[in-house]
C-alpha atoms as a PDB file:
ATOM      1  CA  MET A   1      13.115 -23.453-111.714  1.00  0.00           C
ATOM      2  CA  ALA A   2      12.464 -26.027-114.723  1.00  0.00           C
ATOM      3  CA  ASP A   3      14.922 -27.506-116.822  1.00  0.00           C
ATOM      4  CA  GLY A   4      15.491 -27.693-120.639  1.00  0.00           C
ATOM      5  CA  GLY A   5      12.296 -29.869-121.518  1.00  0.00           C
ATOM      6  CA  GLY A   6      10.319 -26.594-118.935  1.00  0.00           C
ATOM      7  CA  GLN A   7      10.280 -29.938-116.183  1.00  0.00           C
ATOM      8  CA  THR A   8      10.516 -28.504-112.669  1.00  0.00           C
ATOM      9  CA  HIS A   9      12.330 -30.413-110.200  1.00  0.00           C
ATOM     10  CA  ALA A  10       8.686 -31.131-108.180  1.00  0.00           C
ATOM     11  CA  GLN A  11       7.707 -32.786-111.365  1.00  0.00           C
ATOM     12  CA  ALA A  12      11.258 -34.826-112.139  1.00  0.00           C
ATOM     13  CA  VAL A  13      11.046 -36.398-109.282  1.00  0.00           C
ATOM     14  CA  ARG A  14       7.300 -36.932-109.193  1.00  0.00           C
ATOM     15  CA  ARG A  15       8.299 -38.353-112.840  1.00  0.00           C
ATOM     16  CA  ALA A  16      10.759 -40.843-111.336  1.00  0.00           C
ATOM     17  CA  ALA A  17       8.715 -41.781-108.528  1.00  0.00           C
ATOM     18  CA  ASP A  18       5.760 -43.141-110.850  1.00  0.00           C
ATOM     19  CA  THR A  19       7.669 -44.551-113.819  1.00  0.00           C
ATOM     20  CA  TYR A  20      10.330 -46.822-111.431  1.00  0.00           C
ATOM     21  CA  GLY A  21       7.533 -47.465-108.718  1.00  0.00           C
ATOM     22  CA  ALA A  22       5.446 -48.817-111.964  1.00  0.00           C
ATOM     23  CA  ALA A  23       8.422 -50.831-112.876  1.00  0.00           C
ATOM     24  CA  ALA A  24       9.517 -52.821-109.734  1.00  0.00           C
ATOM     25  CA  ASP A  25       6.792 -55.178-111.109  1.00  0.00           C
ATOM     26  CA  HIS A  26       9.419 -56.160-114.045  1.00  0.00           C
ATOM     27  CA  TYR A  27      12.589 -54.733-112.282  1.00  0.00           C
ATOM     28  CA  ASP A  28      14.050 -58.184-110.785  1.00  0.00           C
ATOM     29  CA  ARG A  29      13.465 -60.212-113.663  1.00  0.00           C
ATOM     30  CA  ASP A  30      15.913 -62.248-115.164  1.00  0.00           C
ATOM     31  CA  THR A  31      16.269 -60.467-118.045  1.00  0.00           C
ATOM     32  CA  LEU A  32      16.860 -56.874-116.519  1.00  0.00           C
ATOM     33  CA  ALA A  33      20.151 -58.422-114.297  1.00  0.00           C
ATOM     34  CA  PHE A  34      21.788 -55.647-115.391  1.00  0.00           C
ATOM     35  CA  TRP A  35      20.831 -54.244-112.157  1.00  0.00           C
ATOM     36  CA  ARG A  36      22.328 -56.325-110.012  1.00  0.00           C
ATOM     37  CA  ARG A  37      25.837 -56.560-112.098  1.00  0.00           C
ATOM     38  CA  TYR A  38      26.450 -52.807-112.007  1.00  0.00           C
ATOM     39  CA  GLY A  39      25.222 -52.084-108.992  1.00  0.00           C
ATOM     40  CA  GLU A  40      28.154 -54.865-107.001  1.00  0.00           C
ATOM     41  CA  LEU A  41      30.527 -53.335-109.979  1.00  0.00           C
ATOM     42  CA  THR A  42      30.519 -49.845-108.201  1.00  0.00           C
ATOM     43  CA  ILE A  43      30.872 -51.532-104.896  1.00  0.00           C
ATOM     44  CA  ALA A  44      33.449 -53.830-105.559  1.00  0.00           C
ATOM     45  CA  ARG A  45      35.091 -50.386-107.176  1.00  0.00           C
ATOM     46  CA  LEU A  46      35.707 -48.834-103.914  1.00  0.00           C
ATOM     47  CA  GLY A  47      37.733 -52.213-102.714  1.00  0.00           C
ATOM     48  CA  PRO A  48      37.321 -53.191 -99.146  1.00  0.00           C
ATOM     49  CA  ILE A  49      35.018 -50.988 -96.528  1.00  0.00           C
ATOM     50  CA  PRO A  50      34.419 -53.209 -93.471  1.00  0.00           C
ATOM     51  CA  GLY A  51      33.286 -50.750 -90.630  1.00  0.00           C
ATOM     52  CA  ARG A  52      31.823 -48.246 -93.178  1.00  0.00           C
ATOM     53  CA  ARG A  53      28.750 -46.184 -93.384  1.00  0.00           C
ATOM     54  CA  VAL A  54      27.275 -46.149 -96.768  1.00  0.00           C
ATOM     55  CA  LEU A  55      24.795 -44.306 -98.211  1.00  0.00           C
ATOM     56  CA  ASP A  56      22.712 -44.790-101.458  1.00  0.00           C
ATOM     57  CA  LEU A  57      20.856 -42.443-102.986  1.00  0.00           C
ATOM     58  CA  CYS A  58      18.038 -43.625-105.484  1.00  0.00           C
ATOM     59  CA  CYS A  59      18.906 -47.013-104.786  1.00  0.00           C
ATOM     60  CA  GLY A  60      16.310 -48.699-106.546  1.00  0.00           C
ATOM     61  CA  SER A  61      15.407 -52.322-105.363  1.00  0.00           C
ATOM     62  CA  GLY A  62      19.014 -52.056-103.250  1.00  0.00           C
ATOM     63  CA  GLU A  63      20.850 -54.204-105.645  1.00  0.00           C
ATOM     64  CA  SER A  64      23.893 -51.721-104.423  1.00  0.00           C
ATOM     65  CA  ALA A  65      22.952 -51.047-101.222  1.00  0.00           C
ATOM     66  CA  LEU A  66      22.716 -54.878 -99.766  1.00  0.00           C
ATOM     67  CA  ALA A  67      25.596 -55.122-102.092  1.00  0.00           C
ATOM     68  CA  ALA A  68      27.253 -52.094 -99.916  1.00  0.00           C
ATOM     69  CA  ALA A  69      25.604 -53.685 -97.025  1.00  0.00           C
ATOM     70  CA  ARG A  70      27.882 -57.439 -97.517  1.00  0.00           C
ATOM     71  CA  ALA A  71      31.148 -55.363 -98.127  1.00  0.00           C
ATOM     72  CA  VAL A  72      30.598 -53.467 -94.863  1.00  0.00           C
ATOM     73  CA  GLY A  73      29.802 -56.617 -92.922  1.00  0.00           C
ATOM     74  CA  PRO A  74      28.484 -56.266 -89.102  1.00  0.00           C
ATOM     75  CA  ASP A  75      30.327 -53.143 -87.892  1.00  0.00           C
ATOM     76  CA  GLY A  76      29.360 -50.681 -90.756  1.00  0.00           C
ATOM     77  CA  SER A  77      26.058 -49.463 -92.066  1.00  0.00           C
ATOM     78  CA  VAL A  78      24.380 -48.752 -94.880  1.00  0.00           C
ATOM     79  CA  LEU A  79      21.216 -46.010 -95.138  1.00  0.00           C
ATOM     80  CA  GLY A  80      19.679 -46.547 -98.941  1.00  0.00           C
ATOM     81  CA  ILE A  81      16.914 -43.507-100.269  1.00  0.00           C
ATOM     82  CA  ASP A  82      14.616 -43.493-103.393  1.00  0.00           C
ATOM     83  CA  VAL A  83      11.241 -42.067-104.433  1.00  0.00           C
ATOM     84  CA  ALA A  84       9.788 -44.800-104.973  1.00  0.00           C
ATOM     85  CA  GLU A  85       8.193 -46.854-102.083  1.00  0.00           C
ATOM     86  CA  PRO A  86       7.624 -50.069-104.247  1.00  0.00           C
ATOM     87  CA  MET A  87      11.341 -50.189-104.822  1.00  0.00           C
ATOM     88  CA  LEU A  88      11.783 -50.069-101.150  1.00  0.00           C
ATOM     89  CA  ALA A  89       9.346 -52.439-100.384  1.00  0.00           C
ATOM     90  CA  LEU A  90      11.603 -55.169-102.769  1.00  0.00           C
ATOM     91  CA  ALA A  91      14.416 -53.904-101.412  1.00  0.00           C
ATOM     92  CA  ARG A  92      13.586 -54.363 -98.113  1.00  0.00           C
ATOM     93  CA  ARG A  93      12.029 -57.922 -98.325  1.00  0.00           C
ATOM     94  CA  LYS A  94      15.567 -58.622-100.623  1.00  0.00           C
ATOM     95  CA  ALA A  95      17.688 -57.527 -96.458  1.00  0.00           C
ATOM     96  CA  ALA A  96      15.238 -59.707 -95.038  1.00  0.00           C
ATOM     97  CA  ALA A  97      15.716 -62.825 -97.324  1.00  0.00           C
ATOM     98  CA  ALA A  98      19.595 -62.151 -97.557  1.00  0.00           C
ATOM     99  CA  GLY A  99      19.966 -62.004 -93.241  1.00  0.00           C
ATOM    100  CA  LEU A 100      21.027 -58.790 -93.157  1.00  0.00           C
ATOM    101  CA  GLY A 101      20.582 -56.396 -90.453  1.00  0.00           C
ATOM    102  CA  ASN A 102      22.822 -53.453 -90.997  1.00  0.00           C
ATOM    103  CA  VAL A 103      20.676 -51.773 -93.776  1.00  0.00           C
ATOM    104  CA  GLU A 104      18.166 -49.252 -94.026  1.00  0.00           C
ATOM    105  CA  PHE A 105      16.100 -48.228 -96.563  1.00  0.00           C
ATOM    106  CA  ARG A 106      14.118 -44.856 -96.964  1.00  0.00           C
ATOM    107  CA  ALA A 107      11.459 -42.918 -98.580  1.00  0.00           C
ATOM    108  CA  ALA A 108      12.588 -39.393 -99.911  1.00  0.00           C
ATOM    109  CA  ASP A 109      13.826 -36.933-101.829  1.00  0.00           C
ATOM    110  CA  ALA A 110      17.111 -37.613-102.701  1.00  0.00           C
ATOM    111  CA  THR A 111      18.217 -34.537-103.891  1.00  0.00           C
ATOM    112  CA  ALA A 112      17.030 -33.074-100.355  1.00  0.00           C
ATOM    113  CA  THR A 113      18.181 -35.613 -97.531  1.00  0.00           C
ATOM    114  CA  ARG A 114      18.547 -33.190 -95.012  1.00  0.00           C
ATOM    115  CA  LEU A 115      21.459 -35.655 -93.662  1.00  0.00           C
ATOM    116  CA  PRO A 116      24.268 -34.006 -91.944  1.00  0.00           C
ATOM    117  CA  ASP A 117      27.343 -32.520 -93.640  1.00  0.00           C
ATOM    118  CA  ASP A 118      29.835 -35.387 -93.479  1.00  0.00           C
ATOM    119  CA  ALA A 119      27.971 -37.735 -92.308  1.00  0.00           C
ATOM    120  CA  PHE A 120      29.162 -41.151 -94.634  1.00  0.00           C
ATOM    121  CA  ASP A 121      32.190 -42.433 -95.607  1.00  0.00           C
ATOM    122  CA  LEU A 122      31.135 -43.702 -98.643  1.00  0.00           C
ATOM    123  CA  VAL A 123      28.208 -41.712-101.148  1.00  0.00           C
ATOM    124  CA  VAL A 124      27.158 -43.716-103.972  1.00  0.00           C
ATOM    125  CA  CYS A 125      24.659 -43.098-106.495  1.00  0.00           C
ATOM    126  CA  VAL A 126      23.852 -45.621-109.471  1.00  0.00           C
ATOM    127  CA  PHE A 127      21.799 -44.777-112.239  1.00  0.00           C
ATOM    128  CA  GLY A 128      20.081 -42.172-110.498  1.00  0.00           C
ATOM    129  CA  VAL A 129      22.109 -38.567-110.968  1.00  0.00           C
ATOM    130  CA  PHE A 130      20.382 -37.927-114.477  1.00  0.00           C
ATOM    131  CA  PHE A 131      16.519 -37.842-113.205  1.00  0.00           C
ATOM    132  CA  VAL A 132      16.569 -34.151-111.573  1.00  0.00           C
ATOM    133  CA  PRO A 133      16.963 -31.305-113.993  1.00  0.00           C
ATOM    134  CA  ASP A 134      19.853 -29.288-111.814  1.00  0.00           C
ATOM    135  CA  GLN A 135      22.242 -32.745-111.563  1.00  0.00           C
ATOM    136  CA  ALA A 136      25.168 -30.711-110.892  1.00  0.00           C
ATOM    137  CA  ALA A 137      23.121 -29.115-107.630  1.00  0.00           C
ATOM    138  CA  PHE A 138      22.383 -32.575-106.857  1.00  0.00           C
ATOM    139  CA  VAL A 139      26.500 -34.363-107.556  1.00  0.00           C
ATOM    140  CA  GLY A 140      27.061 -31.330-105.209  1.00  0.00           C
ATOM    141  CA  GLU A 141      24.541 -32.211-101.889  1.00  0.00           C
ATOM    142  CA  MET A 142      26.083 -35.550-102.654  1.00  0.00           C
ATOM    143  CA  TRP A 143      29.939 -34.679-101.834  1.00  0.00           C
ATOM    144  CA  ARG A 144      28.463 -32.143 -98.700  1.00  0.00           C
ATOM    145  CA  LEU A 145      27.242 -35.570 -97.199  1.00  0.00           C
ATOM    146  CA  VAL A 146      30.877 -37.594 -97.975  1.00  0.00           C
ATOM    147  CA  ALA A 147      33.059 -37.379 -94.859  1.00  0.00           C
ATOM    148  CA  VAL A 148      36.183 -36.076 -95.375  1.00  0.00           C
ATOM    149  CA  GLY A 149      38.709 -39.328 -96.528  1.00  0.00           C
ATOM    150  CA  GLY A 150      35.118 -40.947 -97.615  1.00  0.00           C
ATOM    151  CA  GLU A 151      34.766 -41.566-101.294  1.00  0.00           C
ATOM    152  CA  LEU A 152      31.548 -40.621-103.997  1.00  0.00           C
ATOM    153  CA  ALA A 153      31.046 -43.306-106.417  1.00  0.00           C
ATOM    154  CA  LEU A 154      28.332 -42.645-109.589  1.00  0.00           C
ATOM    155  CA  THR A 155      27.025 -45.033-112.698  1.00  0.00           C
ATOM    156  CA  THR A 156      25.314 -43.958-115.673  1.00  0.00           C
ATOM    157  CA  TRP A 157      24.551 -45.326-118.730  1.00  0.00           C
ATOM    158  CA  GLY A 158      27.182 -45.780-121.797  1.00  0.00           C
ATOM    159  CA  PRO A 159      26.346 -44.129-125.298  1.00  0.00           C
ATOM    160  CA  GLY A 160      23.702 -46.846-127.088  1.00  0.00           C
ATOM    161  CA  VAL A 161      22.979 -48.411-124.324  1.00  0.00           C
ATOM    162  CA  PHE A 162      20.111 -51.181-124.773  1.00  0.00           C
ATOM    163  CA  GLU A 163      20.618 -51.134-128.520  1.00  0.00           C
ATOM    164  CA  PRO A 164      19.570 -52.551-131.288  1.00  0.00           C
ATOM    165  CA  GLY A 165      16.263 -52.093-128.077  1.00  0.00           C
ATOM    166  CA  ASN A 166      16.825 -48.538-128.183  1.00  0.00           C
ATOM    167  CA  GLY A 167      16.335 -47.575-131.974  1.00  0.00           C
ATOM    168  CA  GLU A 168      13.676 -49.748-133.037  1.00  0.00           C
ATOM    169  CA  PHE A 169      11.749 -49.100-129.074  1.00  0.00           C
ATOM    170  CA  TRP A 170      11.742 -45.832-129.832  1.00  0.00           C
ATOM    171  CA  ARG A 171      10.999 -45.197-133.515  1.00  0.00           C
ATOM    172  CA  ALA A 172       8.319 -47.273-132.654  1.00  0.00           C
ATOM    173  CA  VAL A 173       7.279 -44.660-130.503  1.00  0.00           C
ATOM    174  CA  ASP A 174       7.623 -42.379-133.209  1.00  0.00           C
ATOM    175  CA  ALA A 175       5.654 -44.701-135.407  1.00  0.00           C
ATOM    176  CA  GLU A 176       2.510 -44.730-132.749  1.00  0.00           C
ATOM    177  CA  THR A 177      -0.477 -42.028-134.610  1.00  0.00           C
ATOM    178  CA  GLU A 178      -0.783 -40.665-130.184  1.00  0.00           C
ATOM    179  CA  PRO A 179       2.228 -38.581-129.453  1.00  0.00           C
ATOM    180  CA  ALA A 180       4.102 -40.081-126.190  1.00  0.00           C
ATOM    181  CA  ALA A 181       6.050 -37.511-124.152  1.00  0.00           C
ATOM    182  CA  ARG A 182       9.664 -39.071-124.114  1.00  0.00           C
ATOM    183  CA  PHE A 183      11.628 -39.531-121.289  1.00  0.00           C
ATOM    184  CA  ASN A 184      15.032 -40.593-121.709  1.00  0.00           C
ATOM    185  CA  PRO A 185      17.257 -38.264-119.207  1.00  0.00           C
ATOM    186  CA  TRP A 186      19.848 -41.657-119.584  1.00  0.00           C
ATOM    187  CA  ASP A 187      21.345 -40.476-122.216  1.00  0.00           C
ATOM    188  CA  ASP A 188      22.166 -37.168-121.515  1.00  0.00           C
ATOM    189  CA  ILE A 189      25.262 -38.561-119.506  1.00  0.00           C
ATOM    190  CA  THR A 190      26.965 -41.348-121.292  1.00  0.00           C
ATOM    191  CA  THR A 191      30.557 -40.247-121.575  1.00  0.00           C
ATOM    192  CA  PRO A 192      34.045 -40.209-119.160  1.00  0.00           C
ATOM    193  CA  ALA A 193      33.830 -36.691-120.572  1.00  0.00           C
ATOM    194  CA  ALA A 194      30.264 -35.770-119.602  1.00  0.00           C
ATOM    195  CA  LEU A 195      30.861 -37.461-116.134  1.00  0.00           C
ATOM    196  CA  ALA A 196      33.936 -35.810-115.723  1.00  0.00           C
ATOM    197  CA  ALA A 197      32.747 -32.219-116.417  1.00  0.00           C
ATOM    198  CA  LEU A 198      29.266 -33.026-114.206  1.00  0.00           C
ATOM    199  CA  MET A 199      30.784 -33.935-110.885  1.00  0.00           C
ATOM    200  CA  THR A 200      33.731 -30.927-111.472  1.00  0.00           C
ATOM    201  CA  ALA A 201      30.383 -29.106-112.353  1.00  0.00           C
ATOM    202  CA  GLY A 202      29.271 -30.066-108.500  1.00  0.00           C
ATOM    203  CA  GLY A 203      32.273 -29.263-107.017  1.00  0.00           C
ATOM    204  CA  VAL A 204      34.095 -32.798-106.802  1.00  0.00           C
ATOM    205  CA  PRO A 205      38.258 -32.536-107.659  1.00  0.00           C
ATOM    206  CA  ASN A 206      40.067 -34.985-109.193  1.00  0.00           C
ATOM    207  CA  PRO A 207      36.935 -37.555-110.285  1.00  0.00           C
ATOM    208  CA  GLN A 208      38.815 -40.464-111.621  1.00  0.00           C
ATOM    209  CA  VAL A 209      36.533 -41.643-114.607  1.00  0.00           C
ATOM    210  CA  GLU A 210      36.470 -45.273-116.797  1.00  0.00           C
ATOM    211  CA  ALA A 211      33.675 -46.263-119.568  1.00  0.00           C
ATOM    212  CA  VAL A 212      32.970 -50.594-118.933  1.00  0.00           C
ATOM    213  CA  SER A 213      31.324 -52.457-122.062  1.00  0.00           C
ATOM    214  CA  GLY A 214      28.102 -54.815-121.438  1.00  0.00           C
ATOM    215  CA  HIS A 215      25.833 -56.824-122.652  1.00  0.00           C
ATOM    216  CA  GLN A 216      22.929 -58.890-121.556  1.00  0.00           C
ATOM    217  CA  PRO A 217      21.972 -61.750-123.141  1.00  0.00           C
ATOM    218  CA  LEU A 218      17.747 -62.413-124.189  1.00  0.00           C
ATOM    219  CA  ALA A 219      16.168 -65.093-124.198  1.00  0.00           C
ATOM    220  CA  GLY A 220      14.689 -64.251-127.051  1.00  0.00           C
ATOM    221  CA  PRO A 221      13.245 -60.896-129.550  1.00  0.00           C
ATOM    222  CA  ASP A 222      10.218 -61.125-127.031  1.00  0.00           C
ATOM    223  CA  ALA A 223      12.121 -60.797-123.987  1.00  0.00           C
ATOM    224  CA  PHE A 224      12.968 -56.935-125.028  1.00  0.00           C
ATOM    225  CA  TRP A 225       9.383 -55.827-123.697  1.00  0.00           C
ATOM    226  CA  ASP A 226      10.951 -57.509-119.629  1.00  0.00           C
ATOM    227  CA  ILE A 227      13.100 -54.354-120.149  1.00  0.00           C
ATOM    228  CA  VAL A 228      11.094 -51.755-121.628  1.00  0.00           C
ATOM    229  CA  LEU A 229       8.344 -52.592-118.775  1.00  0.00           C
ATOM    230  CA  GLY A 230      11.281 -52.843-116.267  1.00  0.00           C
ATOM    231  CA  THR A 231      13.609 -49.468-116.779  1.00  0.00           C
ATOM    232  CA  GLY A 232      12.886 -45.636-117.889  1.00  0.00           C
ATOM    233  CA  TYR A 233      11.129 -46.206-120.790  1.00  0.00           C
ATOM    234  CA  ARG A 234       8.125 -47.512-118.612  1.00  0.00           C
ATOM    235  CA  SER A 235       7.506 -43.883-118.461  1.00  0.00           C
ATOM    236  CA  THR A 236       6.646 -43.388-122.042  1.00  0.00           C
ATOM    237  CA  VAL A 237       4.314 -46.665-122.282  1.00  0.00           C
ATOM    238  CA  ASP A 238       2.208 -45.937-119.075  1.00  0.00           C
ATOM    239  CA  ARG A 239       1.328 -42.160-120.898  1.00  0.00           C
ATOM    240  CA  MET A 240       0.259 -43.909-123.591  1.00  0.00           C
ATOM    241  CA  THR A 241      -3.730 -45.264-124.013  1.00  0.00           C
ATOM    242  CA  ALA A 242      -4.158 -49.136-123.508  1.00  0.00           C
ATOM    243  CA  PRO A 243      -4.525 -49.498-127.804  1.00  0.00           C
ATOM    244  CA  ALA A 244      -1.325 -47.003-128.616  1.00  0.00           C
ATOM    245  CA  ARG A 245       0.409 -49.213-125.854  1.00  0.00           C
ATOM    246  CA  GLU A 246      -0.587 -52.792-127.953  1.00  0.00           C
ATOM    247  CA  ARG A 247       0.231 -51.324-131.613  1.00  0.00           C
ATOM    248  CA  LEU A 248       3.459 -49.708-130.527  1.00  0.00           C
ATOM    249  CA  ARG A 249       4.416 -53.686-128.474  1.00  0.00           C
ATOM    250  CA  ASP A 250       3.396 -54.941-131.501  1.00  0.00           C
ATOM    251  CA  ARG A 251       5.598 -53.013-133.730  1.00  0.00           C
ATOM    252  CA  LEU A 252       8.464 -53.629-131.698  1.00  0.00           C
ATOM    253  CA  LEU A 253       8.577 -56.932-131.075  1.00  0.00           C
ATOM    254  CA  ALA A 254       7.679 -57.673-135.015  1.00  0.00           C
ATOM    255  CA  ARG A 255      10.692 -55.641-135.566  1.00  0.00           C
ATOM    256  CA  LEU A 256      12.921 -57.438-133.119  1.00  0.00           C
ATOM    257  CA  ARG A 257      12.070 -60.828-134.113  1.00  0.00           C
ATOM    258  CA  ALA A 258      12.983 -59.845-138.173  1.00  0.00           C
ATOM    259  CA  LEU A 259      16.527 -58.862-137.095  1.00  0.00           C
ATOM    260  CA  ASP A 260      16.957 -61.590-134.741  1.00  0.00           C
ATOM    261  CA  VAL A 261      17.786 -60.067-131.542  1.00  0.00           C
ATOM    262  CA  THR A 262      19.335 -62.454-128.676  1.00  0.00           C
ATOM    263  CA  GLU A 263      21.017 -59.298-126.003  1.00  0.00           C
ATOM    264  CA  VAL A 264      21.541 -55.569-126.028  1.00  0.00           C
ATOM    265  CA  ARG A 265      24.439 -53.331-125.443  1.00  0.00           C
ATOM    266  CA  THR A 266      24.376 -52.467-121.611  1.00  0.00           C
ATOM    267  CA  ASP A 267      28.228 -49.644-121.660  1.00  0.00           C
ATOM    268  CA  ALA A 268      28.333 -48.088-118.940  1.00  0.00           C
ATOM    269  CA  VAL A 269      30.262 -45.145-117.539  1.00  0.00           C
ATOM    270  CA  LEU A 270      31.621 -44.638-113.731  1.00  0.00           C
ATOM    271  CA  GLY A 271      33.216 -42.380-111.575  1.00  0.00           C
ATOM    272  CA  ASN A 272      34.991 -42.226-107.966  1.00  0.00           C
ATOM    273  CA  ALA A 273      36.832 -39.669-106.079  1.00  0.00           C
ATOM    274  CA  ARG A 274      37.626 -39.565-103.003  1.00  0.00           C
ATOM    275  CA  LYS A 275      37.493 -36.089-100.505  1.00  0.00           C
ATOM    276  CA  SER A 276      40.422 -34.950 -99.373  1.00  0.00           C
ATOM    277  CA  SER A 277      41.562 -32.850 -96.175  1.00  0.00           C
ATOM    278  CA  GLY A 278      42.941 -30.058 -98.637  1.00  0.00           C
END
């Protein structure tokens, strides 16, 4: 089945794998500290969770999974799943360095894990639900995996994420003489109402959703290029020729220098729901 942009599920999964596999070389730079910040915040909102079984879907380089592993302690367990093997390699290295033996990482399609019903006390997905054409079905699959009494937690980007860099990036893309295929599915769900509606459409009753504000300091305007290469923007630039990428970079950074951009917005939306016996 294809989405509104003509992309099938398999194509969407492949593009996400390619994008974030490539982005792994920048993912853990200081300029991208927001990955860790929101991974930790998503877990912290769940409250005390010692001994729980946690599933982290679209786990990336493991920030939310590692936070969960610390929170559940040695009597708990965490499974992280992602399609980008380079990201999982980062996650495994970080888990080993932290001495966390209660977390495992597997390469798989997060929308089709074939894991049993009600298998986890907590299922989380941080900045991942928007990558597939049928987002409601993905939410329904996550909800299937939550045990009675357990909880689902979803985190998406808020409106204006990475501004003012975001707008300047897309203007620079539009000014390029070689057309580029845009990739910005994270713009689909940017408000509490939108995330609540998605969770409800996926069969999740009474979701509790809130918006949080944030910003990411930059060492200077040029540091925004680290964000370009360490996020979903990477898909757009990697599909350009080398000369076009250089022109894009020069055009974008010249504009950010002129504006003296030293921070960007990193607002997010977080949703939670508990599965009751009823």
